[in-house]
């Protein structure tokens, strides 16, 4: 009985060692994540006003700040929210989300503008 048990244990160890020795590991390749540039586009003004103020924020680096100022200057005084969106889409950006800017003036609230959160695949 001891011999049968000992043989079973030895065979199990040999089979386990053999399977571990010849096992192939799957090399993990890092998944390629799409890199995006995000833009925070705040548009302030009345809905049908001819004077829309636009602030485009791409980030903190000096180049991102410069690009944001360039876009902001170009888009400020556009005549409609759609014109702002259309220009950003022409530049390769895609709308991700919109947020409403609200303000309170003398006790009454209202919409002060819209924020477009956009992304562009690099």
C-alpha atoms as a PDB file:
ATOM      1  CA  UNK A   1       0.000   0.000   0.000  1.00  0.00           C
ATOM      2  CA  UNK A   2       2.851   2.381   0.846  1.00  0.00           C
ATOM      3  CA  UNK A   3       4.552   1.525  -2.455  1.00  0.00           C
ATOM      4  CA  UNK A   4       1.405   2.302  -4.468  1.00  0.00           C
ATOM      5  CA  UNK A   5       0.958   5.609  -2.666  1.00  0.00           C
ATOM      6  CA  UNK A   6       4.634   6.503  -3.126  1.00  0.00           C
ATOM      7  CA  UNK A   7       4.498   5.633  -6.836  1.00  0.00           C
ATOM      8  CA  UNK A   8       1.349   7.741  -7.258  1.00  0.00           C
ATOM      9  CA  UNK A   9       3.003  10.729  -5.565  1.00  0.00           C
ATOM     10  CA  UNK A  10       6.187  10.375  -7.644  1.00  0.00           C
ATOM     11  CA  UNK A  11       4.196  10.061 -10.875  1.00  0.00           C
ATOM     12  CA  UNK A  12       2.134  13.137  -9.966  1.00  0.00           C
ATOM     13  CA  UNK A  13       5.285  15.170  -9.274  1.00  0.00           C
ATOM     14  CA  UNK A  14       6.878  14.014 -12.547  1.00  0.00           C
ATOM     15  CA  UNK A  15       3.752  14.869 -14.547  1.00  0.00           C
ATOM     16  CA  UNK A  16       3.502  18.276 -12.902  1.00  0.00           C
ATOM     17  CA  UNK A  17       7.193  19.002 -13.526  1.00  0.00           C
ATOM     18  CA  UNK A  18       6.889  17.883 -17.142  1.00  0.00           C
ATOM     19  CA  UNK A  19       3.814  20.000 -17.781  1.00  0.00           C
ATOM     20  CA  UNK A  20       5.448  23.054 -16.195  1.00  0.00           C
ATOM     21  CA  UNK A  21       8.642  22.558 -18.159  1.00  0.00           C
ATOM     22  CA  UNK A  22       6.909  22.394 -21.538  1.00  0.00           C
ATOM     23  CA  UNK A  23       4.148  24.882 -20.828  1.00  0.00           C
ATOM     24  CA  UNK A  24       4.132  27.846 -23.115  1.00  0.00           C
ATOM     25  CA  UNK A  25       3.487  31.230 -21.720  1.00  0.00           C
ATOM     26  CA  UNK A  26       1.459  33.677 -23.716  1.00  0.00           C
ATOM     27  CA  UNK A  27       3.546  36.769 -24.159  1.00  0.00           C
ATOM     28  CA  UNK A  28       1.513  39.766 -23.145  1.00  0.00           C
ATOM     29  CA  UNK A  29       1.651  42.574 -25.601  1.00  0.00           C
ATOM     30  CA  UNK A  30       0.669  45.958 -24.339  1.00  0.00           C
ATOM     31  CA  UNK A  31      -2.634  46.979 -25.809  1.00  0.00           C
ATOM     32  CA  UNK A  32      -2.423  49.958 -28.051  1.00  0.00           C
ATOM     33  CA  UNK A  33      -4.595  52.615 -26.487  1.00  0.00           C
ATOM     34  CA  UNK A  34      -5.795  55.388 -28.709  1.00  0.00           C
ATOM     35  CA  UNK A  35      -4.315  58.692 -27.702  1.00  0.00           C
ATOM     36  CA  UNK A  36      -6.590  61.685 -27.785  1.00  0.00           C
ATOM     37  CA  UNK A  37      -6.242  65.419 -27.452  1.00  0.00           C
ATOM     38  CA  UNK A  38      -9.080  66.828 -25.408  1.00  0.00           C
ATOM     39  CA  UNK A  39     -10.500  70.318 -25.693  1.00  0.00           C
ATOM     40  CA  UNK A  40     -12.669  72.192 -23.224  1.00  0.00           C
ATOM     41  CA  UNK A  41     -14.564  74.803 -25.239  1.00  0.00           C
ATOM     42  CA  UNK A  42     -16.558  77.301 -23.153  1.00  0.00           C
ATOM     43  CA  UNK A  43     -18.958  79.441 -25.171  1.00  0.00           C
ATOM     44  CA  UNK A  44     -20.608  82.334 -23.351  1.00  0.00           C
ATOM     45  CA  UNK A  45     -23.287  84.662 -24.610  1.00  0.00           C
ATOM     46  CA  UNK A  46     -26.948  84.786 -25.347  1.00  0.00           C
ATOM     47  CA  UNK A  47     -28.281  82.146 -27.703  1.00  0.00           C
ATOM     48  CA  UNK A  48     -28.962  84.500 -30.623  1.00  0.00           C
ATOM     49  CA  UNK A  49     -26.348  87.111 -29.749  1.00  0.00           C
ATOM     50  CA  UNK A  50     -23.817  88.124 -32.353  1.00  0.00           C
ATOM     51  CA  UNK A  51     -21.158  88.399 -29.658  1.00  0.00           C
ATOM     52  CA  UNK A  52     -20.141  84.991 -28.391  1.00  0.00           C
ATOM     53  CA  UNK A  53     -17.047  84.756 -26.215  1.00  0.00           C
ATOM     54  CA  UNK A  54     -15.173  81.499 -26.661  1.00  0.00           C
ATOM     55  CA  UNK A  55     -12.440  80.077 -24.439  1.00  0.00           C
ATOM     56  CA  UNK A  56     -10.631  76.969 -25.706  1.00  0.00           C
ATOM     57  CA  UNK A  57      -8.501  75.016 -23.239  1.00  0.00           C
ATOM     58  CA  UNK A  58      -6.209  72.246 -24.485  1.00  0.00           C
ATOM     59  CA  UNK A  59      -4.074  71.867 -21.341  1.00  0.00           C
ATOM     60  CA  UNK A  60      -1.185  73.274 -19.312  1.00  0.00           C
ATOM     61  CA  UNK A  61       1.869  73.060 -21.547  1.00  0.00           C
ATOM     62  CA  UNK A  62       3.069  76.280 -23.227  1.00  0.00           C
ATOM     63  CA  UNK A  63       2.183  74.913 -26.678  1.00  0.00           C
ATOM     64  CA  UNK A  64      -1.303  73.870 -25.531  1.00  0.00           C
ATOM     65  CA  UNK A  65      -1.884  77.305 -24.011  1.00  0.00           C
ATOM     66  CA  UNK A  66      -0.727  79.006 -27.214  1.00  0.00           C
ATOM     67  CA  UNK A  67      -2.966  76.770 -29.363  1.00  0.00           C
ATOM     68  CA  UNK A  68      -5.914  77.408 -27.042  1.00  0.00           C
ATOM     69  CA  UNK A  69      -5.436  81.172 -27.318  1.00  0.00           C
ATOM     70  CA  UNK A  70      -5.254  80.923 -31.116  1.00  0.00           C
ATOM     71  CA  UNK A  71      -8.487  78.926 -31.279  1.00  0.00           C
ATOM     72  CA  UNK A  72     -10.154  81.247 -28.732  1.00  0.00           C
ATOM     73  CA  UNK A  73      -9.263  84.372 -30.718  1.00  0.00           C
ATOM     74  CA  UNK A  74     -10.509  82.836 -33.962  1.00  0.00           C
ATOM     75  CA  UNK A  75     -13.788  81.556 -32.513  1.00  0.00           C
ATOM     76  CA  UNK A  76     -14.682  84.587 -30.387  1.00  0.00           C
ATOM     77  CA  UNK A  77     -17.422  86.708 -32.000  1.00  0.00           C
ATOM     78  CA  UNK A  78     -18.747  83.818 -34.076  1.00  0.00           C
ATOM     79  CA  UNK A  79     -22.452  84.247 -34.633  1.00  0.00           C
ATOM     80  CA  UNK A  80     -23.720  80.897 -33.343  1.00  0.00           C
ATOM     81  CA  UNK A  81     -22.909  77.940 -31.167  1.00  0.00           C
ATOM     82  CA  UNK A  82     -23.185  75.741 -34.247  1.00  0.00           C
ATOM     83  CA  UNK A  83     -20.465  77.774 -35.987  1.00  0.00           C
ATOM     84  CA  UNK A  84     -18.121  77.045 -33.083  1.00  0.00           C
ATOM     85  CA  UNK A  85     -18.938  73.330 -33.206  1.00  0.00           C
ATOM     86  CA  UNK A  86     -18.607  73.189 -36.979  1.00  0.00           C
ATOM     87  CA  UNK A  87     -15.154  74.768 -36.875  1.00  0.00           C
ATOM     88  CA  UNK A  88     -13.955  72.320 -34.216  1.00  0.00           C
ATOM     89  CA  UNK A  89     -15.317  69.373 -36.238  1.00  0.00           C
ATOM     90  CA  UNK A  90     -13.524  70.690 -39.331  1.00  0.00           C
ATOM     91  CA  UNK A  91     -10.308  70.582 -37.265  1.00  0.00           C
ATOM     92  CA  UNK A  92     -10.881  66.877 -36.521  1.00  0.00           C
ATOM     93  CA  UNK A  93     -12.521  67.133 -33.101  1.00  0.00           C
ATOM     94  CA  UNK A  94     -15.474  65.021 -32.017  1.00  0.00           C
ATOM     95  CA  UNK A  95     -18.073  66.143 -29.479  1.00  0.00           C
ATOM     96  CA  UNK A  96     -17.953  64.028 -26.300  1.00  0.00           C
ATOM     97  CA  UNK A  97     -20.247  65.895 -23.931  1.00  0.00           C
ATOM     98  CA  UNK A  98     -21.924  69.231 -23.323  1.00  0.00           C
ATOM     99  CA  UNK A  99     -22.366  71.067 -20.051  1.00  0.00           C
ATOM    100  CA  UNK A 100     -24.544  74.035 -19.307  1.00  0.00           C
ATOM    101  CA  UNK A 101     -22.983  77.129 -17.750  1.00  0.00           C
ATOM    102  CA  UNK A 102     -25.492  78.653 -15.375  1.00  0.00           C
ATOM    103  CA  UNK A 103     -25.380  81.927 -13.552  1.00  0.00           C
ATOM    104  CA  UNK A 104     -27.428  83.784 -10.982  1.00  0.00           C
ATOM    105  CA  UNK A 105     -28.113  87.461 -11.435  1.00  0.00           C
ATOM    106  CA  UNK A 106     -30.224  89.355  -8.877  1.00  0.00           C
ATOM    107  CA  UNK A 107     -31.836  86.190  -7.601  1.00  0.00           C
ATOM    108  CA  UNK A 108     -32.791  84.651 -10.917  1.00  0.00           C
ATOM    109  CA  UNK A 109     -30.839  81.913 -12.625  1.00  0.00           C
ATOM    110  CA  UNK A 110     -30.341  81.187 -16.236  1.00  0.00           C
ATOM    111  CA  UNK A 111     -28.080  79.753 -18.851  1.00  0.00           C
ATOM    112  CA  UNK A 112     -24.919  81.783 -19.314  1.00  0.00           C
ATOM    113  CA  UNK A 113     -23.375  79.526 -21.945  1.00  0.00           C
ATOM    114  CA  UNK A 114     -22.383  76.041 -22.938  1.00  0.00           C
ATOM    115  CA  UNK A 115     -19.219  74.002 -22.533  1.00  0.00           C
ATOM    116  CA  UNK A 116     -18.330  71.550 -25.271  1.00  0.00           C
ATOM    117  CA  UNK A 117     -15.986  68.749 -24.266  1.00  0.00           C
ATOM    118  CA  UNK A 118     -14.338  67.487 -27.416  1.00  0.00           C
ATOM    119  CA  UNK A 119     -11.641  64.997 -28.374  1.00  0.00           C
ATOM    120  CA  UNK A 120      -9.384  64.487 -31.352  1.00  0.00           C
ATOM    121  CA  UNK A 121      -7.551  61.280 -32.118  1.00  0.00           C
ATOM    122  CA  UNK A 122      -3.807  61.879 -32.487  1.00  0.00           C
END
